[in-house]
Amino acid sequence: MSFDAAGRAAVLRLCWIVSFLIAVVAGGMAHARTLEDVRQSGEIRVGVNPNFPPMSSYGDDNRLAGFDVDVARRIADALGVKLTLVPTEAAQRVPFLVSGRIDMSMGALTITPERQALIDFTIPLHSEAMGVITTDRVKAERWEDLNRPDITLVNMRGNQSVSVLQEKLPLPRRLLVDGNADTIRAIAQGRADALIENTDFFLGFTRNYPEVKWRVLPDPIFAAWCGIGVAKGNASLQAELDRVLHALHKDGSIAAMWRNHYAADMSVPVGEEQIAPALRDRPAATQAESSGYAFDFSGVIGQIPYLLGGAAISLQIAFLAFIIGASIGLGGAMALLYAAGPVRSFVSGYVTLFTNTPALVQIFLIYYALPDAGIKLGSFTAVVIGLTLNAGAYLTEIIRAGVASVRPAELEAASVLGLHRRDVMTHVIVPHVLRTVYRPLANFFIVLVLGSSMAALFGVEELTGRAINVSTTSLRTIETFAVAGLIYIALTLIASAALAWFGRTFFRVRTGA
């Protein structure tokens, strides 16, 4: 196949994939279930954060419990339906509503204009007062003292405070993680200096690190209100939830549940002055209802340069892991074929260990466990090391198979011709091995490009990490990841075409008819 033909085929594949993605996204949008739908089904699906004590978390009996769970149970009882709890992380709260996976979303969902453009809210359920959790390592007496470049602030993707703090504290570095517990762990391990969030929500995690001297700075930065999210335009369910919550506020049930789980009163209680404006100008529940979601790529298109910068970091991770991993693989292959027993056994154990455990688990251990042993690695370094060790194990087997595929007859012929060992290696073994392993190696590089997306879980802002940042800021998750997916497709098609050309040109590797 010529390069032009390969290019045309790649373009056709890209066009087909784009059409397929558009069809899937457009056809996969689910309509919101109205109040009548919920009652007819006999169940209400409620999204709660499974790692957010005491709001909601798994107990010793492996069941979700907490303030949000208690409120959700009271709502289900009032509606006369069964409660189904759906684990929903912070960054998933709005997307799960938009896609119809849940009927209502909890998890300290702050009411903001950006979110109100995509979903609707009930009256406030509770307040949140943003404060600072830090340690005695940090010299700061007020939150303004943190506005300096030597400070690293940690927070969770999807939290409203992330964008607010970029305005109030523009100088510190940012570390974004995906779990509530990870924020406190990052501070305890020295990866971050402070967390600015509702201190009531996060102080419980500090008990896991009693050796750290924790402190909370005085004076909250700002206060906000959290409600229950429902799909846009779902007026009947919104009105019924308003009615139930209003009753629970008036009889003191919500305040009592809060005290039960937090052992203190709400910092800023919800009163009629917050409830009355929320109820004003509600749409009529009798009007035609729909999910109300409208695709809007305008905000995402403007972020394409930012996403492409993340794609460059993805390629950098994949390239480093591949080059170093291939070096490990070459050494490992030679050891398995020619080394003495102890060395062969060590390499065999390494290959067995790293090919039989997920790369994600390996990176988790490197990133989170090593600091407890006094070895603290940056997120980028930890990801590269983890992927490199994983790649080295797989490439050991690929290269070993290539070397072993050299037929004895070829070596015997070279010996008969009187070739020196160096000439045998240069003209017989290496060309044969390269032609044999080139395509598996090229395919493995593509796997590493896609596998680099795991780095987002550790705060690395590669393509997936930046897509998560864009989606949590714009709340356009579908549009953002559709664009990110197309960038990944373009990366892999371009890389595949370049590798195919390189193989044909330098190693005479046939890539097709």
Protein backbone atom coordinates (compact mmCIF):
# COMPACT_ATOMS: atom_id res chain seq x y z
CA MET A 1 0.00 0.00 0.00
CA SER A 2 1.43 3.40 -0.93
CA PHE A 3 1.77 6.24 1.55
CA ASP A 4 -0.94 8.22 -0.29
CA ALA A 5 -3.28 5.24 -0.15
CA ALA A 6 -2.55 4.77 3.53
CA GLY A 7 -3.24 8.45 4.14
CA ARG A 8 -6.55 8.32 2.28
CA ALA A 9 -7.53 5.22 4.25
CA ALA A 10 -6.69 6.98 7.51
CA VAL A 11 -8.80 10.00 6.55
CA LEU A 12 -11.73 7.76 5.61
CA ARG A 13 -11.43 5.92 8.92
CA LEU A 14 -11.37 9.23 10.78
CA CYS A 15 -14.49 10.45 8.96
CA TRP A 16 -16.28 7.19 9.72
CA ILE A 17 -15.31 7.36 13.39
CA VAL A 18 -16.45 10.99 13.67
CA SER A 19 -19.82 10.10 12.14
CA PHE A 20 -20.16 7.12 14.44
CA LEU A 21 -19.36 9.17 17.54
CA ILE A 22 -21.86 11.86 16.60
CA ALA A 23 -24.54 9.23 16.05
CA VAL A 24 -23.80 7.52 19.37
CA VAL A 25 -23.74 10.76 21.35
CA ALA A 26 -26.88 12.13 19.73
CA GLY A 27 -28.76 8.87 20.06
CA GLY A 28 -27.53 8.08 23.55
CA MET A 29 -28.98 11.12 25.28
CA ALA A 30 -31.60 9.94 27.72
CA HIS A 31 -34.65 12.01 28.64
CA ALA A 32 -35.13 12.96 32.27
CA ARG A 33 -37.66 10.93 34.20
CA THR A 34 -40.49 13.14 35.42
CA LEU A 35 -42.14 12.78 38.82
CA GLU A 36 -44.82 10.61 37.24
CA ASP A 37 -42.15 8.39 35.63
CA VAL A 38 -40.38 7.99 38.96
CA ARG A 39 -43.56 7.01 40.76
CA GLN A 40 -44.60 4.59 38.03
CA SER A 41 -41.19 2.90 38.13
CA GLY A 42 -41.35 2.64 41.92
CA GLU A 43 -37.75 3.83 42.34
CA ILE A 44 -35.76 7.04 42.48
CA ARG A 45 -32.08 6.95 41.50
CA VAL A 46 -29.99 9.28 43.65
CA GLY A 47 -26.35 10.09 42.95
CA VAL A 48 -24.21 10.28 46.11
CA ASN A 49 -20.44 10.48 46.52
CA PRO A 50 -19.18 7.12 47.85
CA ASN A 51 -15.99 8.65 49.31
CA PHE A 52 -17.32 11.67 51.13
CA PRO A 53 -17.83 11.02 54.87
CA PRO A 54 -19.90 12.07 56.68
CA MET A 55 -21.99 13.14 53.68
CA SER A 56 -21.92 9.63 52.22
CA SER A 57 -19.48 6.73 52.33
CA TYR A 58 -19.37 2.97 52.67
CA GLY A 59 -19.61 1.67 56.23
CA ASP A 60 -18.35 -1.56 57.78
CA ASP A 61 -21.36 -3.35 56.28
CA ASN A 62 -20.37 -2.14 52.76
CA ARG A 63 -23.51 0.00 52.56
CA LEU A 64 -23.63 3.71 51.86
CA ALA A 65 -24.47 5.86 54.86
CA GLY A 66 -24.27 9.53 55.82
CA PHE A 67 -26.15 12.82 55.79
CA ASP A 68 -26.97 12.70 52.07
CA VAL A 69 -28.15 9.10 52.38
CA ASP A 70 -30.48 9.97 55.26
CA VAL A 71 -31.94 12.91 53.33
CA ALA A 72 -32.35 10.78 50.20
CA ARG A 73 -34.14 8.11 52.23
CA ARG A 74 -36.57 10.68 53.65
CA ILE A 75 -37.25 11.95 50.10
CA ALA A 76 -37.88 8.43 48.80
CA ASP A 77 -40.26 7.76 51.69
CA ALA A 78 -42.16 10.98 50.95
CA LEU A 79 -42.48 9.99 47.28
CA GLY A 80 -43.50 6.46 48.19
CA VAL A 81 -40.77 4.83 46.10
CA LYS A 82 -37.70 2.65 46.64
CA LEU A 83 -34.35 4.41 47.04
CA THR A 84 -31.53 3.38 44.69
CA LEU A 85 -28.17 4.96 45.50
CA VAL A 86 -25.80 5.46 42.57
CA PRO A 87 -22.11 6.07 43.44
CA THR A 88 -21.30 9.43 41.82
CA GLU A 89 -17.92 11.13 42.18
CA ALA A 90 -17.69 14.93 42.28
CA ALA A 91 -16.86 15.37 38.60
CA GLN A 92 -19.74 13.04 37.61
CA ARG A 93 -22.57 14.87 39.37
CA VAL A 94 -23.71 17.02 36.44
CA PRO A 95 -22.83 14.55 33.62
CA PHE A 96 -24.82 11.76 35.30
CA LEU A 97 -27.88 14.03 35.42
CA VAL A 98 -27.45 15.17 31.84
CA SER A 99 -27.10 11.59 30.58
CA GLY A 100 -30.12 10.37 32.57
CA ARG A 101 -28.17 7.93 34.75
CA ILE A 102 -29.68 9.44 37.90
CA ASP A 103 -32.84 11.35 38.78
CA MET A 104 -31.28 13.65 41.38
CA SER A 105 -27.71 14.51 42.32
CA MET A 106 -26.38 15.24 45.78
CA GLY A 107 -22.81 15.35 47.14
CA ALA A 108 -22.56 19.03 48.16
CA LEU A 109 -23.58 20.28 44.72
CA THR A 110 -23.01 24.03 44.94
CA ILE A 111 -25.58 26.19 43.18
CA THR A 112 -23.72 28.21 40.53
CA PRO A 113 -24.82 30.05 37.36
CA GLU A 114 -22.63 27.75 35.25
CA ARG A 115 -24.39 24.66 36.56
CA GLN A 116 -27.79 26.30 36.37
CA ALA A 117 -27.26 26.64 32.62
CA LEU A 118 -27.24 22.83 32.35
CA ILE A 119 -29.32 21.52 35.26
CA ASP A 120 -31.94 22.77 37.69
CA PHE A 121 -31.64 22.97 41.47
CA THR A 122 -33.97 22.56 44.40
CA ILE A 123 -34.08 25.00 47.27
CA PRO A 124 -30.82 24.95 49.29
CA LEU A 125 -30.23 21.76 51.25
CA HIS A 126 -27.28 23.03 53.27
CA SER A 127 -24.57 25.67 53.26
CA GLU A 128 -20.83 25.41 52.83
CA ALA A 129 -18.31 27.81 54.30
CA MET A 130 -14.93 27.63 52.56
CA GLY A 131 -11.97 27.53 54.93
CA VAL A 132 -8.32 26.44 54.87
CA ILE A 133 -6.95 23.11 56.09
CA THR A 134 -3.16 23.11 56.32
CA THR A 135 -0.32 22.02 58.61
CA ASP A 136 2.30 23.61 60.82
CA ARG A 137 4.77 23.33 57.91
CA VAL A 138 3.05 26.25 56.18
CA LYS A 139 3.71 29.77 57.40
CA ALA A 140 0.29 31.39 57.00
CA GLU A 141 -2.12 32.93 59.49
CA ARG A 142 -4.86 34.01 57.09
CA TRP A 143 -6.02 32.62 53.76
CA GLU A 144 -4.55 35.63 51.92
CA ASP A 145 -1.08 34.53 53.09
CA LEU A 146 -1.33 31.53 50.76
CA ASN A 147 -1.27 33.71 47.64
CA ARG A 148 2.36 33.04 46.75
CA PRO A 149 4.04 30.85 44.11
CA ASP A 150 5.79 28.50 46.57
CA ILE A 151 2.40 27.20 47.78
CA THR A 152 0.60 24.22 46.22
CA LEU A 153 -3.16 24.07 46.74
CA VAL A 154 -4.86 20.71 46.32
CA ASN A 155 -8.50 20.25 45.38
CA MET A 156 -10.84 17.87 43.63
CA ARG A 157 -11.78 18.08 40.00
CA GLY A 158 -15.39 19.12 39.69
CA ASN A 159 -15.48 21.26 42.83
CA GLN A 160 -16.89 24.75 42.50
CA SER A 161 -14.11 26.15 44.68
CA VAL A 162 -11.46 25.37 42.03
CA SER A 163 -12.53 28.15 39.67
CA VAL A 164 -13.34 30.57 42.50
CA LEU A 165 -9.89 30.22 44.02
CA GLN A 166 -8.19 30.88 40.70
CA GLU A 167 -9.60 34.39 41.01
CA LYS A 168 -8.95 34.91 44.74
CA LEU A 169 -5.57 33.13 44.91
CA PRO A 170 -3.99 33.25 41.43
CA LEU A 171 -0.33 32.69 42.40
CA PRO A 172 -0.21 29.20 44.03
CA ARG A 173 0.35 26.02 42.02
CA ARG A 174 -2.62 23.64 41.65
CA LEU A 175 -2.83 19.91 42.23
CA LEU A 176 -6.16 18.40 41.17
CA VAL A 177 -7.07 14.91 42.37
CA ASP A 178 -10.13 12.72 41.92
CA GLY A 179 -11.04 11.69 45.48
CA ASN A 180 -11.80 13.54 48.72
CA ALA A 181 -9.38 11.41 50.72
CA ASP A 182 -6.64 12.09 48.14
CA THR A 183 -6.67 15.80 48.98
CA ILE A 184 -5.70 15.23 52.62
CA ARG A 185 -3.27 12.45 51.66
CA ALA A 186 -1.49 14.86 49.30
CA ILE A 187 -0.96 17.35 52.13
CA ALA A 188 0.14 14.64 54.58
CA GLN A 189 2.72 13.31 52.09
CA GLY A 190 4.03 16.79 51.30
CA ARG A 191 2.73 16.97 47.73
CA ALA A 192 0.52 19.94 48.61
CA ASP A 193 0.44 22.61 51.30
CA ALA A 194 -3.23 23.38 51.84
CA LEU A 195 -6.80 22.56 50.91
CA ILE A 196 -9.44 25.27 50.60
CA GLU A 197 -12.87 23.73 50.90
CA ASN A 198 -15.71 23.28 53.36
CA THR A 199 -13.63 22.20 56.34
CA ASP A 200 -16.53 20.23 57.82
CA PHE A 201 -16.43 17.90 54.81
CA PHE A 202 -12.71 17.10 54.95
CA LEU A 203 -11.48 17.25 58.55
CA GLY A 204 -12.55 13.66 59.15
CA PHE A 205 -9.83 12.45 56.76
CA THR A 206 -7.10 14.10 58.85
CA ARG A 207 -7.61 11.43 61.53
CA ASN A 208 -5.82 9.01 59.20
CA TYR A 209 -2.60 10.98 59.71
CA PRO A 210 -2.27 11.62 63.47
CA GLU A 211 1.47 12.33 63.17
CA VAL A 212 0.75 15.47 61.11
CA LYS A 213 0.02 18.67 63.02
CA TRP A 214 -3.13 19.88 61.28
CA ARG A 215 -4.65 23.31 61.67
CA VAL A 216 -7.58 25.29 60.26
CA LEU A 217 -7.01 28.97 59.49
CA PRO A 218 -9.56 31.40 60.91
CA ASP A 219 -12.13 33.30 58.85
CA PRO A 220 -13.94 31.54 55.99
CA ILE A 221 -13.17 32.75 52.49
CA PHE A 222 -16.77 32.70 51.32
CA ALA A 223 -20.07 30.93 51.92
CA ALA A 224 -22.23 29.22 49.34
CA TRP A 225 -25.39 27.13 49.12
CA CYS A 226 -25.76 23.53 48.00
CA GLY A 227 -28.96 22.09 46.58
CA ILE A 228 -30.11 18.89 44.93
CA GLY A 229 -29.63 18.83 41.18
CA VAL A 230 -32.27 17.59 38.74
CA ALA A 231 -32.27 17.46 34.95
CA LYS A 232 -32.94 20.71 33.11
CA GLY A 233 -36.64 21.31 32.58
CA ASN A 234 -37.76 18.55 34.97
CA ALA A 235 -40.17 20.93 36.68
CA SER A 236 -42.48 18.34 38.27
CA LEU A 237 -39.68 16.50 40.09
CA GLN A 238 -38.03 19.79 41.06
CA ALA A 239 -41.29 21.12 42.55
CA GLU A 240 -41.91 17.93 44.54
CA LEU A 241 -38.36 17.90 45.92
CA ASP A 242 -38.76 21.56 46.87
CA ARG A 243 -41.92 20.68 48.79
CA VAL A 244 -40.28 17.78 50.64
CA LEU A 245 -37.12 19.71 51.49
CA HIS A 246 -39.09 22.74 52.65
CA ALA A 247 -41.03 20.54 55.04
CA LEU A 248 -37.84 18.89 56.33
CA HIS A 249 -36.30 22.31 56.96
CA LYS A 250 -39.40 23.62 58.75
CA ASP A 251 -39.72 20.68 61.14
CA GLY A 252 -35.97 20.70 61.94
CA SER A 253 -35.26 17.30 60.38
CA ILE A 254 -32.42 18.48 58.16
CA ALA A 255 -30.77 20.37 61.02
CA ALA A 256 -31.08 17.27 63.22
CA MET A 257 -29.58 14.99 60.56
CA TRP A 258 -26.69 17.43 60.12
CA ARG A 259 -25.98 17.46 63.87
CA ASN A 260 -26.17 13.67 63.94
CA HIS A 261 -23.41 13.31 61.36
CA TYR A 262 -21.27 16.38 62.05
CA ALA A 263 -21.74 16.62 65.84
CA ALA A 264 -22.29 20.37 65.39
CA ASP A 265 -24.80 22.79 63.92
CA MET A 266 -24.56 23.90 60.30
CA SER A 267 -22.06 26.76 60.10
CA VAL A 268 -24.56 28.93 58.21
CA PRO A 269 -28.10 27.56 58.61
CA VAL A 270 -30.57 27.57 55.72
CA GLY A 271 -33.45 29.94 56.44
CA GLU A 272 -36.53 31.30 54.71
CA GLU A 273 -34.43 34.13 53.30
CA GLN A 274 -32.60 31.53 51.19
CA ILE A 275 -35.65 29.35 50.45
CA ALA A 276 -38.09 32.07 49.34
CA PRO A 277 -35.96 33.46 46.47
CA ALA A 278 -35.28 29.93 45.23
CA LEU A 279 -39.00 29.19 45.02
CA ARG A 280 -39.76 32.41 43.20
CA ASP A 281 -40.26 32.20 39.43
CA ARG A 282 -40.21 28.42 39.31
CA PRO A 283 -41.54 27.08 35.96
CA ALA A 284 -44.99 25.52 36.04
CA ALA A 285 -44.84 21.78 36.67
CA THR A 286 -47.61 21.17 34.16
CA GLN A 287 -45.70 22.40 31.12
CA ALA A 288 -44.08 19.99 28.70
CA GLU A 289 -40.94 18.59 30.20
CA SER A 290 -37.72 17.38 28.67
CA SER A 291 -34.07 17.04 29.60
CA GLY A 292 -33.50 20.43 27.97
CA TYR A 293 -29.91 19.63 27.05
CA ALA A 294 -28.53 21.47 24.03
CA PHE A 295 -25.13 20.72 22.58
CA ASP A 296 -22.73 23.65 22.64
CA PHE A 297 -19.16 23.18 21.42
CA SER A 298 -18.26 26.87 21.46
CA GLY A 299 -16.53 26.83 24.84
CA VAL A 300 -14.69 23.60 24.07
CA ILE A 301 -13.45 24.75 20.64
CA GLY A 302 -11.73 27.67 22.31
CA GLN A 303 -9.87 25.23 24.57
CA ILE A 304 -8.42 23.12 21.71
CA PRO A 305 -4.93 24.69 22.02
CA TYR A 306 -4.98 23.84 25.73
CA LEU A 307 -6.05 20.26 24.92
CA LEU A 308 -3.36 19.95 22.23
CA GLY A 309 -0.80 20.98 24.82
CA GLY A 310 -2.04 18.05 26.90
CA ALA A 311 -1.70 15.78 23.87
CA ALA A 312 1.96 16.78 23.62
CA ILE A 313 2.43 15.70 27.26
CA SER A 314 0.68 12.40 26.47
CA LEU A 315 3.16 11.78 23.65
CA GLN A 316 6.04 12.73 25.92
CA ILE A 317 4.94 10.16 28.54
CA ALA A 318 4.49 7.46 25.90
CA PHE A 319 7.83 8.22 24.23
CA LEU A 320 9.82 8.13 27.48
CA ALA A 321 8.12 4.95 28.66
CA PHE A 322 8.70 3.29 25.29
CA ILE A 323 12.37 4.24 24.82
CA ILE A 324 13.42 3.34 28.37
CA GLY A 325 11.10 0.33 28.42
CA ALA A 326 12.58 -0.95 25.15
CA SER A 327 16.06 -0.68 26.66
CA ILE A 328 14.87 -2.69 29.66
CA GLY A 329 13.17 -5.13 27.31
CA LEU A 330 16.33 -5.67 25.27
CA GLY A 331 18.40 -6.33 28.37
CA GLY A 332 15.70 -8.56 29.80
CA ALA A 333 15.41 -10.57 26.59
CA MET A 334 19.17 -11.17 26.47
CA ALA A 335 19.10 -12.22 30.13
CA LEU A 336 16.28 -14.72 29.58
CA LEU A 337 18.09 -16.24 26.60
CA TYR A 338 21.73 -16.19 27.61
CA ALA A 339 22.25 -15.18 31.27
CA ALA A 340 23.11 -17.45 34.19
CA GLY A 341 20.40 -19.04 36.31
CA PRO A 342 20.03 -16.42 39.11
CA VAL A 343 19.85 -13.50 36.66
CA ARG A 344 17.39 -15.38 34.45
CA SER A 345 15.22 -16.16 37.47
CA PHE A 346 15.24 -12.50 38.58
CA VAL A 347 14.21 -11.25 35.13
CA SER A 348 11.57 -13.95 34.84
CA GLY A 349 10.12 -12.89 38.21
CA TYR A 350 10.10 -9.23 37.09
CA VAL A 351 8.25 -10.11 33.89
CA THR A 352 5.75 -12.30 35.74
CA LEU A 353 5.06 -9.60 38.35
CA PHE A 354 4.57 -6.70 35.94
CA THR A 355 2.63 -8.55 33.26
CA ASN A 356 0.16 -10.02 35.75
CA THR A 357 -0.77 -6.82 37.60
CA PRO A 358 -2.47 -3.74 36.10
CA ALA A 359 -0.26 -0.79 35.23
CA LEU A 360 -2.64 1.43 37.20
CA VAL A 361 -2.02 -0.57 40.38
CA GLN A 362 1.73 -0.33 39.83
CA ILE A 363 1.56 3.45 39.46
CA PHE A 364 -0.64 3.74 42.55
CA LEU A 365 1.97 1.90 44.62
CA ILE A 366 4.80 4.04 43.26
CA TYR A 367 2.93 7.30 43.77
CA TYR A 368 1.20 6.67 47.09
CA ALA A 369 3.22 3.99 48.89
CA LEU A 370 6.79 5.12 48.25
CA PRO A 371 6.35 8.46 50.12
CA ASP A 372 5.67 6.46 53.28
CA ALA A 373 9.12 4.92 52.77
CA GLY A 374 10.68 8.36 52.38
CA ILE A 375 10.73 8.37 48.57
CA LYS A 376 8.58 11.19 47.22
CA LEU A 377 8.17 11.35 43.46
CA GLY A 378 6.32 13.92 41.40
CA SER A 379 3.20 12.77 39.62
CA PHE A 380 4.77 12.93 36.14
CA THR A 381 7.84 11.01 37.29
CA ALA A 382 5.79 8.36 39.07
CA VAL A 383 3.61 7.80 36.01
CA VAL A 384 6.59 7.52 33.67
CA ILE A 385 8.37 5.09 35.99
CA GLY A 386 5.25 2.97 36.38
CA LEU A 387 4.53 2.80 32.64
CA THR A 388 8.23 2.21 31.90
CA LEU A 389 8.48 -0.78 34.25
CA ASN A 390 5.25 -2.17 32.86
CA ALA A 391 6.39 -1.62 29.26
CA GLY A 392 9.80 -3.15 30.00
CA ALA A 393 8.19 -6.40 31.11
CA TYR A 394 6.03 -6.72 28.01
CA LEU A 395 8.79 -5.63 25.65
CA THR A 396 11.12 -8.21 27.21
CA GLU A 397 8.80 -10.93 25.96
CA ILE A 398 8.30 -9.30 22.55
CA ILE A 399 12.03 -8.91 21.93
CA ARG A 400 12.85 -12.36 23.37
CA ALA A 401 10.40 -13.92 20.92
CA GLY A 402 11.99 -11.97 18.07
CA VAL A 403 15.52 -13.11 18.95
CA ALA A 404 14.37 -16.69 19.45
CA SER A 405 12.76 -16.62 16.00
CA VAL A 406 16.15 -16.50 14.27
CA ARG A 407 16.44 -19.89 12.62
CA PRO A 408 19.52 -22.03 13.37
CA ALA A 409 19.94 -22.57 9.61
CA GLU A 410 20.60 -18.84 9.14
CA LEU A 411 23.28 -18.88 11.82
CA GLU A 412 24.83 -22.01 10.38
CA ALA A 413 24.93 -20.42 6.93
CA ALA A 414 26.64 -17.34 8.35
CA SER A 415 29.20 -19.59 10.04
CA VAL A 416 29.89 -21.47 6.82
CA LEU A 417 30.46 -18.15 5.08
CA GLY A 418 33.02 -17.31 7.75
CA LEU A 419 31.26 -14.21 9.06
CA HIS A 420 32.64 -12.69 12.23
CA ARG A 421 30.34 -12.69 15.27
CA ARG A 422 29.88 -8.91 14.91
CA ASP A 423 28.91 -9.32 11.25
CA VAL A 424 26.50 -12.12 12.15
CA MET A 425 24.85 -9.81 14.67
CA THR A 426 24.76 -6.85 12.26
CA HIS A 427 23.73 -8.57 9.04
CA VAL A 428 21.77 -11.62 10.19
CA ILE A 429 20.35 -11.42 13.69
CA VAL A 430 19.48 -7.70 14.04
CA PRO A 431 17.70 -7.30 10.64
CA HIS A 432 15.70 -10.48 11.24
CA VAL A 433 14.73 -9.45 14.77
CA LEU A 434 13.79 -5.91 13.73
CA ARG A 435 11.55 -7.14 10.92
CA THR A 436 9.94 -9.62 13.31
CA VAL A 437 9.30 -7.33 16.28
CA TYR A 438 8.81 -3.97 14.56
CA ARG A 439 5.05 -4.17 14.17
CA PRO A 440 4.44 -5.47 17.73
CA LEU A 441 6.68 -2.68 19.04
CA ALA A 442 4.83 -0.06 16.97
CA ASN A 443 1.49 -1.35 18.23
CA PHE A 444 2.76 -1.24 21.80
CA PHE A 445 3.74 2.41 21.37
CA ILE A 446 0.14 3.18 20.37
CA VAL A 447 -1.02 1.32 23.49
CA LEU A 448 1.27 3.54 25.58
CA VAL A 449 -0.13 6.71 23.96
CA LEU A 450 -3.63 5.67 25.00
CA GLY A 451 -2.45 4.29 28.35
CA SER A 452 -0.91 7.65 29.23
CA SER A 453 -4.47 8.75 30.05
CA MET A 454 -4.00 7.00 33.42
CA ALA A 455 -1.75 9.91 34.36
CA ALA A 456 -4.86 12.08 34.83
CA LEU A 457 -5.64 10.13 38.02
CA PHE A 458 -2.41 11.43 39.55
CA GLY A 459 -2.80 15.10 38.65
CA VAL A 460 -0.77 15.09 35.43
CA GLU A 461 -2.35 17.47 32.96
CA GLU A 462 -1.98 15.36 29.83
CA LEU A 463 -4.82 15.18 27.32
CA THR A 464 -7.33 13.36 29.53
CA GLY A 465 -6.39 15.42 32.58
CA ARG A 466 -6.89 18.65 30.68
CA ALA A 467 -10.15 17.36 29.22
CA ILE A 468 -11.38 16.71 32.76
CA ASN A 469 -10.36 20.24 33.76
CA VAL A 470 -12.20 21.74 30.78
CA SER A 471 -15.32 19.65 31.36
CA THR A 472 -15.51 20.50 35.07
CA THR A 473 -15.11 24.19 34.30
CA SER A 474 -17.46 24.38 31.33
CA LEU A 475 -19.71 21.49 32.51
CA ARG A 476 -19.78 20.39 28.85
CA THR A 477 -18.60 16.87 29.51
CA ILE A 478 -20.02 15.26 26.36
CA GLU A 479 -18.67 17.95 24.06
CA THR A 480 -15.27 18.04 25.81
CA PHE A 481 -14.63 14.32 25.66
CA ALA A 482 -15.94 14.08 22.11
CA VAL A 483 -13.23 16.58 21.11
CA ALA A 484 -10.63 14.82 23.29
CA GLY A 485 -11.58 11.49 21.71
CA LEU A 486 -11.08 12.92 18.24
CA ILE A 487 -7.65 14.23 19.26
CA TYR A 488 -6.71 10.76 20.51
CA ILE A 489 -7.91 9.25 17.23
CA ALA A 490 -5.86 11.78 15.27
CA LEU A 491 -2.79 11.03 17.45
CA THR A 492 -3.01 7.29 16.93
CA LEU A 493 -3.71 7.52 13.19
CA ILE A 494 -0.82 9.92 12.63
CA ALA A 495 1.51 7.86 14.83
CA SER A 496 0.47 4.64 13.07
CA ALA A 497 1.07 6.15 9.62
CA ALA A 498 4.44 7.58 10.68
CA LEU A 499 5.56 4.28 12.22
CA ALA A 500 4.41 2.36 9.14
CA TRP A 501 6.41 4.69 6.86
CA PHE A 502 9.47 4.45 9.12
CA GLY A 503 9.28 0.65 9.14
CA ARG A 504 8.96 0.42 5.35
CA THR A 505 11.74 2.92 4.72
CA PHE A 506 14.40 1.73 7.14
CA PHE A 507 13.59 -1.87 8.02
CA ARG A 508 11.70 -3.08 4.93
CA VAL A 509 8.76 -4.03 7.13
CA ARG A 510 5.69 -4.84 5.05
CA THR A 511 2.58 -3.12 6.40
CA GLY A 512 -0.06 -4.48 4.06
CA ALA A 513 -0.92 -5.29 0.47
